[in-house]
């Protein structure tokens, strides 16, 4: 039987809280850099970024279903190029890009992205 407690200490919680704060800031910075780097002609409702090492995931949300369906290869190439560049600069081995529609989230999930991304 081990005498080491598996109950986290206050220091453990403080470290975890600081790590989470840094991660959320880095994900937010990634999103800001991506939005500022994309061609203005690409319709965008929002961008969600998750770091899941060694890769990161970018969820690109178009405003409407039509934007998502009509998106040409040049838009996808631009989004992918920008995301890959930022991911490389942040030390990720790869980036996974998912495309979504805000219109769909509104219709199917009443605009609740927490439910949608589950």
N, C-alpha and C. Protein backbone atom coordinates (compact mmCIF):
# COMPACT_ATOMS: atom_id res chain seq x y z
N UNK A 1 0.83 -1.17 0.00
CA UNK A 1 0.00 0.00 0.00
C UNK A 1 0.88 1.24 0.00
N UNK A 2 0.56 2.20 -0.84
CA UNK A 2 1.37 3.40 -0.97
C UNK A 2 0.90 4.46 0.02
N UNK A 3 1.86 5.19 0.56
CA UNK A 3 1.55 6.28 1.48
C UNK A 3 1.36 7.61 0.75
N UNK A 4 1.61 7.62 -0.55
CA UNK A 4 1.49 8.86 -1.33
C UNK A 4 0.03 9.11 -1.63
N UNK A 5 -0.42 10.31 -1.29
CA UNK A 5 -1.82 10.67 -1.51
C UNK A 5 -2.07 10.97 -2.98
N UNK A 6 -3.21 10.51 -3.49
CA UNK A 6 -3.56 10.81 -4.89
C UNK A 6 -4.47 12.03 -4.97
N UNK A 7 -4.72 12.66 -3.84
CA UNK A 7 -5.55 13.86 -3.82
C UNK A 7 -4.67 15.05 -4.21
N UNK A 8 -5.10 15.80 -5.24
CA UNK A 8 -4.30 16.96 -5.66
C UNK A 8 -4.19 18.01 -4.55
N UNK A 9 -3.02 18.62 -4.49
CA UNK A 9 -2.79 19.68 -3.50
C UNK A 9 -3.20 21.03 -4.09
N UNK A 10 -3.20 22.04 -3.28
CA UNK A 10 -3.49 23.39 -3.75
C UNK A 10 -2.47 23.82 -4.81
N UNK A 11 -1.21 23.41 -4.63
CA UNK A 11 -0.18 23.72 -5.61
C UNK A 11 -0.46 23.03 -6.95
N UNK A 12 -0.95 21.79 -6.89
CA UNK A 12 -1.32 21.07 -8.11
C UNK A 12 -2.42 21.82 -8.85
N UNK A 13 -3.44 22.26 -8.11
CA UNK A 13 -4.53 23.01 -8.72
C UNK A 13 -4.04 24.34 -9.30
N UNK A 14 -3.14 25.00 -8.60
CA UNK A 14 -2.61 26.28 -9.08
C UNK A 14 -1.81 26.08 -10.38
N UNK A 15 -0.99 25.02 -10.44
CA UNK A 15 -0.24 24.71 -11.65
C UNK A 15 -1.17 24.41 -12.82
N UNK A 16 -2.19 23.61 -12.55
CA UNK A 16 -3.15 23.25 -13.60
C UNK A 16 -3.91 24.47 -14.10
N UNK A 17 -4.28 25.34 -13.18
CA UNK A 17 -5.02 26.56 -13.54
C UNK A 17 -4.14 27.47 -14.41
N UNK A 18 -2.87 27.61 -14.05
CA UNK A 18 -1.95 28.43 -14.83
C UNK A 18 -1.72 27.82 -16.21
N UNK A 19 -1.57 26.50 -16.28
CA UNK A 19 -1.37 25.81 -17.55
C UNK A 19 -2.59 26.00 -18.46
N UNK A 20 -3.79 25.89 -17.89
CA UNK A 20 -5.01 26.07 -18.67
C UNK A 20 -5.13 27.52 -19.16
N UNK A 21 -4.77 28.47 -18.31
CA UNK A 21 -4.83 29.88 -18.69
C UNK A 21 -3.89 30.17 -19.87
N UNK A 22 -2.68 29.60 -19.82
CA UNK A 22 -1.71 29.79 -20.90
C UNK A 22 -2.21 29.14 -22.19
N UNK A 23 -2.80 27.98 -22.08
CA UNK A 23 -3.30 27.27 -23.26
C UNK A 23 -4.45 28.04 -23.91
N UNK A 24 -5.39 28.53 -23.09
CA UNK A 24 -6.52 29.30 -23.63
C UNK A 24 -6.03 30.58 -24.31
N UNK A 25 -5.03 31.21 -23.74
CA UNK A 25 -4.45 32.44 -24.34
C UNK A 25 -3.79 32.10 -25.67
N UNK A 26 -3.04 31.01 -25.71
CA UNK A 26 -2.36 30.61 -26.95
C UNK A 26 -3.38 30.25 -28.03
N UNK A 27 -4.46 29.56 -27.67
CA UNK A 27 -5.50 29.24 -28.64
C UNK A 27 -6.17 30.51 -29.15
N UNK A 28 -6.41 31.45 -28.25
CA UNK A 28 -7.00 32.73 -28.64
C UNK A 28 -6.07 33.52 -29.56
N UNK A 29 -4.78 33.52 -29.25
CA UNK A 29 -3.81 34.21 -30.09
C UNK A 29 -3.75 33.59 -31.49
N UNK A 30 -3.83 32.26 -31.56
CA UNK A 30 -3.85 31.54 -32.83
C UNK A 30 -5.04 32.02 -33.66
N UNK A 31 -6.20 32.07 -33.02
CA UNK A 31 -7.43 32.50 -33.70
C UNK A 31 -7.30 33.93 -34.22
N UNK A 32 -6.80 34.82 -33.40
CA UNK A 32 -6.63 36.22 -33.80
C UNK A 32 -5.67 36.33 -34.98
N UNK A 33 -4.56 35.63 -34.91
CA UNK A 33 -3.58 35.67 -36.00
C UNK A 33 -4.19 35.10 -37.28
N UNK A 34 -4.96 34.04 -37.14
CA UNK A 34 -5.57 33.44 -38.32
C UNK A 34 -6.58 34.39 -38.97
N UNK A 35 -7.43 35.00 -38.17
CA UNK A 35 -8.43 35.92 -38.72
C UNK A 35 -7.77 37.11 -39.40
N UNK A 36 -6.69 37.60 -38.83
CA UNK A 36 -6.02 38.77 -39.42
C UNK A 36 -5.21 38.41 -40.66
N UNK A 37 -4.89 37.13 -40.83
CA UNK A 37 -4.07 36.70 -41.96
C UNK A 37 -4.88 36.22 -43.16
N UNK A 38 -6.14 35.90 -42.96
CA UNK A 38 -6.96 35.36 -44.04
C UNK A 38 -7.38 36.44 -45.03
N UNK A 39 -7.55 36.01 -46.26
CA UNK A 39 -8.07 36.89 -47.30
C UNK A 39 -9.45 37.37 -46.88
N UNK A 40 -9.69 38.66 -47.01
CA UNK A 40 -10.95 39.25 -46.56
C UNK A 40 -12.17 38.75 -47.32
N UNK A 41 -11.97 38.21 -48.50
CA UNK A 41 -13.09 37.76 -49.31
C UNK A 41 -13.67 36.42 -48.84
N UNK A 42 -13.00 35.75 -47.93
CA UNK A 42 -13.49 34.46 -47.44
C UNK A 42 -14.53 34.72 -46.34
N UNK A 43 -15.77 34.26 -46.55
CA UNK A 43 -16.79 34.46 -45.52
C UNK A 43 -16.42 33.69 -44.24
N UNK A 44 -16.56 34.36 -43.10
CA UNK A 44 -16.20 33.73 -41.83
C UNK A 44 -17.14 34.20 -40.73
N UNK A 45 -17.76 33.24 -40.06
CA UNK A 45 -18.57 33.58 -38.88
C UNK A 45 -17.69 33.54 -37.63
N UNK A 46 -16.89 32.47 -37.51
CA UNK A 46 -16.03 32.33 -36.34
C UNK A 46 -14.98 31.26 -36.63
N UNK A 47 -13.98 31.23 -35.78
CA UNK A 47 -12.93 30.21 -35.85
C UNK A 47 -12.73 29.69 -34.43
N UNK A 48 -12.71 28.39 -34.29
CA UNK A 48 -12.44 27.75 -33.00
C UNK A 48 -11.12 27.00 -33.13
N UNK A 49 -10.30 27.09 -32.10
CA UNK A 49 -8.98 26.43 -32.13
C UNK A 49 -8.81 25.61 -30.86
N UNK A 50 -8.37 24.36 -31.06
CA UNK A 50 -8.07 23.48 -29.93
C UNK A 50 -6.67 22.91 -30.12
N UNK A 51 -5.88 22.99 -29.08
CA UNK A 51 -4.56 22.37 -29.10
C UNK A 51 -4.69 20.96 -28.54
N UNK A 52 -4.36 19.98 -29.35
CA UNK A 52 -4.36 18.58 -28.93
C UNK A 52 -3.10 17.96 -29.49
N UNK A 53 -2.03 18.15 -28.74
CA UNK A 53 -0.68 17.80 -29.20
C UNK A 53 -0.59 16.35 -29.64
N UNK A 54 0.15 16.08 -30.69
CA UNK A 54 1.11 16.95 -31.35
C UNK A 54 0.49 17.82 -32.45
N UNK A 55 -0.81 17.72 -32.65
CA UNK A 55 -1.49 18.50 -33.67
C UNK A 55 -2.39 19.55 -33.02
N UNK A 56 -3.00 20.36 -33.84
CA UNK A 56 -4.05 21.25 -33.36
C UNK A 56 -5.22 21.15 -34.33
N UNK A 57 -6.38 21.51 -33.86
CA UNK A 57 -7.59 21.45 -34.68
C UNK A 57 -8.15 22.85 -34.83
N UNK A 58 -8.47 23.20 -36.07
CA UNK A 58 -9.10 24.48 -36.38
C UNK A 58 -10.48 24.18 -36.94
N UNK A 59 -11.50 24.72 -36.30
CA UNK A 59 -12.87 24.59 -36.80
C UNK A 59 -13.25 25.93 -37.42
N UNK A 60 -13.35 25.94 -38.73
CA UNK A 60 -13.67 27.16 -39.46
C UNK A 60 -15.18 27.18 -39.70
N UNK A 61 -15.85 28.23 -39.22
CA UNK A 61 -17.31 28.31 -39.29
C UNK A 61 -17.71 29.37 -40.31
N UNK A 62 -18.32 28.91 -41.40
CA UNK A 62 -18.87 29.82 -42.41
C UNK A 62 -20.21 30.36 -41.90
N UNK A 63 -20.62 31.54 -42.34
CA UNK A 63 -21.90 32.09 -41.89
C UNK A 63 -23.12 31.25 -42.30
N UNK A 64 -23.15 30.76 -43.53
CA UNK A 64 -24.33 30.05 -44.02
C UNK A 64 -23.95 28.70 -44.63
N UNK A 65 -24.97 27.87 -44.78
CA UNK A 65 -24.77 26.58 -45.47
C UNK A 65 -24.30 26.82 -46.90
N UNK A 66 -24.87 27.84 -47.55
CA UNK A 66 -24.49 28.16 -48.93
C UNK A 66 -23.01 28.52 -49.01
N UNK A 67 -22.51 29.32 -48.04
CA UNK A 67 -21.08 29.65 -48.02
C UNK A 67 -20.23 28.39 -47.90
N UNK A 68 -20.65 27.50 -47.05
CA UNK A 68 -19.92 26.25 -46.84
C UNK A 68 -19.92 25.40 -48.11
N UNK A 69 -21.07 25.27 -48.74
CA UNK A 69 -21.19 24.43 -49.93
C UNK A 69 -20.58 25.07 -51.17
N UNK A 70 -20.59 26.40 -51.25
CA UNK A 70 -20.07 27.10 -52.42
C UNK A 70 -18.59 27.45 -52.29
N UNK A 71 -18.01 27.15 -51.16
CA UNK A 71 -16.62 27.52 -50.92
C UNK A 71 -15.73 26.83 -51.96
N UNK A 72 -15.01 27.63 -52.73
CA UNK A 72 -14.16 27.04 -53.76
C UNK A 72 -12.81 26.61 -53.20
N UNK A 73 -12.06 25.92 -54.00
CA UNK A 73 -10.77 25.39 -53.56
C UNK A 73 -9.78 26.47 -53.17
N UNK A 74 -9.88 27.66 -53.78
CA UNK A 74 -8.97 28.74 -53.41
C UNK A 74 -9.19 29.16 -51.96
N UNK A 75 -10.46 29.21 -51.53
CA UNK A 75 -10.75 29.54 -50.13
C UNK A 75 -10.15 28.49 -49.20
N UNK A 76 -10.36 27.23 -49.52
CA UNK A 76 -9.83 26.14 -48.68
C UNK A 76 -8.30 26.19 -48.66
N UNK A 77 -7.68 26.42 -49.80
CA UNK A 77 -6.22 26.49 -49.86
C UNK A 77 -5.70 27.63 -49.00
N UNK A 78 -6.37 28.78 -49.04
CA UNK A 78 -5.94 29.93 -48.24
C UNK A 78 -6.09 29.63 -46.76
N UNK A 79 -7.23 29.09 -46.36
CA UNK A 79 -7.47 28.75 -44.95
C UNK A 79 -6.43 27.74 -44.48
N UNK A 80 -6.21 26.70 -45.26
CA UNK A 80 -5.26 25.66 -44.88
C UNK A 80 -3.83 26.16 -44.82
N UNK A 81 -3.46 27.03 -45.76
CA UNK A 81 -2.11 27.58 -45.77
C UNK A 81 -1.85 28.43 -44.53
N UNK A 82 -2.79 29.29 -44.20
CA UNK A 82 -2.64 30.15 -43.03
C UNK A 82 -2.59 29.32 -41.76
N UNK A 83 -3.51 28.36 -41.62
CA UNK A 83 -3.55 27.53 -40.41
C UNK A 83 -2.26 26.72 -40.25
N UNK A 84 -1.77 26.15 -41.35
CA UNK A 84 -0.54 25.37 -41.29
C UNK A 84 0.65 26.24 -40.88
N UNK A 85 0.74 27.43 -41.44
CA UNK A 85 1.84 28.34 -41.11
C UNK A 85 1.82 28.69 -39.62
N UNK A 86 0.66 29.03 -39.10
CA UNK A 86 0.56 29.40 -37.68
C UNK A 86 0.84 28.18 -36.80
N UNK A 87 0.31 27.01 -37.18
CA UNK A 87 0.57 25.79 -36.40
C UNK A 87 2.06 25.48 -36.36
N UNK A 88 2.73 25.59 -37.52
CA UNK A 88 4.19 25.36 -37.58
C UNK A 88 4.93 26.30 -36.64
N UNK A 89 4.53 27.58 -36.65
CA UNK A 89 5.18 28.58 -35.80
C UNK A 89 4.95 28.33 -34.32
N UNK A 90 3.91 27.56 -33.99
CA UNK A 90 3.60 27.25 -32.60
C UNK A 90 4.07 25.86 -32.19
N UNK A 91 4.85 25.21 -33.07
CA UNK A 91 5.46 23.94 -32.72
C UNK A 91 4.59 22.71 -32.89
N UNK A 92 3.50 22.83 -33.63
CA UNK A 92 2.65 21.67 -33.85
C UNK A 92 3.11 20.91 -35.08
N UNK A 93 2.99 19.60 -35.04
CA UNK A 93 3.42 18.77 -36.17
C UNK A 93 2.42 18.83 -37.31
N UNK A 94 1.18 19.11 -37.00
CA UNK A 94 0.16 19.17 -38.03
C UNK A 94 -1.05 19.93 -37.57
N UNK A 95 -1.93 20.19 -38.51
CA UNK A 95 -3.17 20.88 -38.21
C UNK A 95 -4.32 20.16 -38.91
N UNK A 96 -5.40 19.97 -38.19
CA UNK A 96 -6.61 19.38 -38.74
C UNK A 96 -7.62 20.51 -38.90
N UNK A 97 -8.18 20.65 -40.10
CA UNK A 97 -9.14 21.72 -40.34
C UNK A 97 -10.50 21.11 -40.61
N UNK A 98 -11.48 21.57 -39.86
CA UNK A 98 -12.86 21.13 -40.03
C UNK A 98 -13.67 22.35 -40.46
N UNK A 99 -14.61 22.14 -41.36
CA UNK A 99 -15.46 23.22 -41.86
C UNK A 99 -16.89 23.03 -41.37
N UNK A 100 -17.50 24.14 -40.93
CA UNK A 100 -18.83 24.11 -40.35
C UNK A 100 -19.63 25.30 -40.88
N UNK A 101 -20.92 25.31 -40.56
CA UNK A 101 -21.81 26.40 -40.93
C UNK A 101 -22.56 26.89 -39.70
N UNK A 102 -22.53 28.21 -39.47
CA UNK A 102 -23.27 28.79 -38.35
C UNK A 102 -24.77 28.56 -38.54
N UNK A 103 -25.23 28.64 -39.76
CA UNK A 103 -26.64 28.41 -40.05
C UNK A 103 -27.08 27.02 -39.56
N UNK A 104 -26.26 26.03 -39.80
CA UNK A 104 -26.55 24.67 -39.36
C UNK A 104 -26.62 24.59 -37.84
N UNK A 105 -25.67 25.21 -37.16
CA UNK A 105 -25.65 25.20 -35.69
C UNK A 105 -26.89 25.90 -35.14
N UNK A 106 -27.30 26.97 -35.80
CA UNK A 106 -28.53 27.66 -35.37
C UNK A 106 -29.75 26.75 -35.53
N UNK A 107 -29.85 26.09 -36.68
CA UNK A 107 -31.02 25.25 -36.97
C UNK A 107 -31.07 24.00 -36.08
N UNK A 108 -29.96 23.32 -35.97
CA UNK A 108 -29.94 22.01 -35.29
C UNK A 108 -29.64 22.07 -33.80
N UNK A 109 -28.93 23.12 -33.36
CA UNK A 109 -28.49 23.19 -31.96
C UNK A 109 -28.87 24.50 -31.29
N UNK A 110 -29.79 25.22 -31.91
CA UNK A 110 -30.25 26.50 -31.36
C UNK A 110 -29.08 27.44 -31.08
N UNK A 111 -28.04 27.35 -31.90
CA UNK A 111 -26.87 28.21 -31.77
C UNK A 111 -25.92 27.83 -30.65
N UNK A 112 -26.14 26.69 -30.02
CA UNK A 112 -25.31 26.26 -28.88
C UNK A 112 -24.10 25.46 -29.39
N UNK A 113 -22.96 26.12 -29.44
CA UNK A 113 -21.75 25.47 -29.95
C UNK A 113 -21.21 24.41 -28.98
N UNK A 114 -21.46 24.57 -27.70
CA UNK A 114 -21.02 23.54 -26.75
C UNK A 114 -21.69 22.21 -27.07
N UNK A 115 -22.98 22.24 -27.34
CA UNK A 115 -23.69 21.01 -27.71
C UNK A 115 -23.25 20.51 -29.08
N UNK A 116 -23.04 21.41 -30.00
CA UNK A 116 -22.64 21.03 -31.36
C UNK A 116 -21.29 20.31 -31.37
N UNK A 117 -20.31 20.83 -30.66
CA UNK A 117 -18.97 20.27 -30.70
C UNK A 117 -18.79 19.03 -29.82
N UNK A 118 -19.79 18.65 -29.08
CA UNK A 118 -19.68 17.44 -28.25
C UNK A 118 -19.73 16.21 -29.06
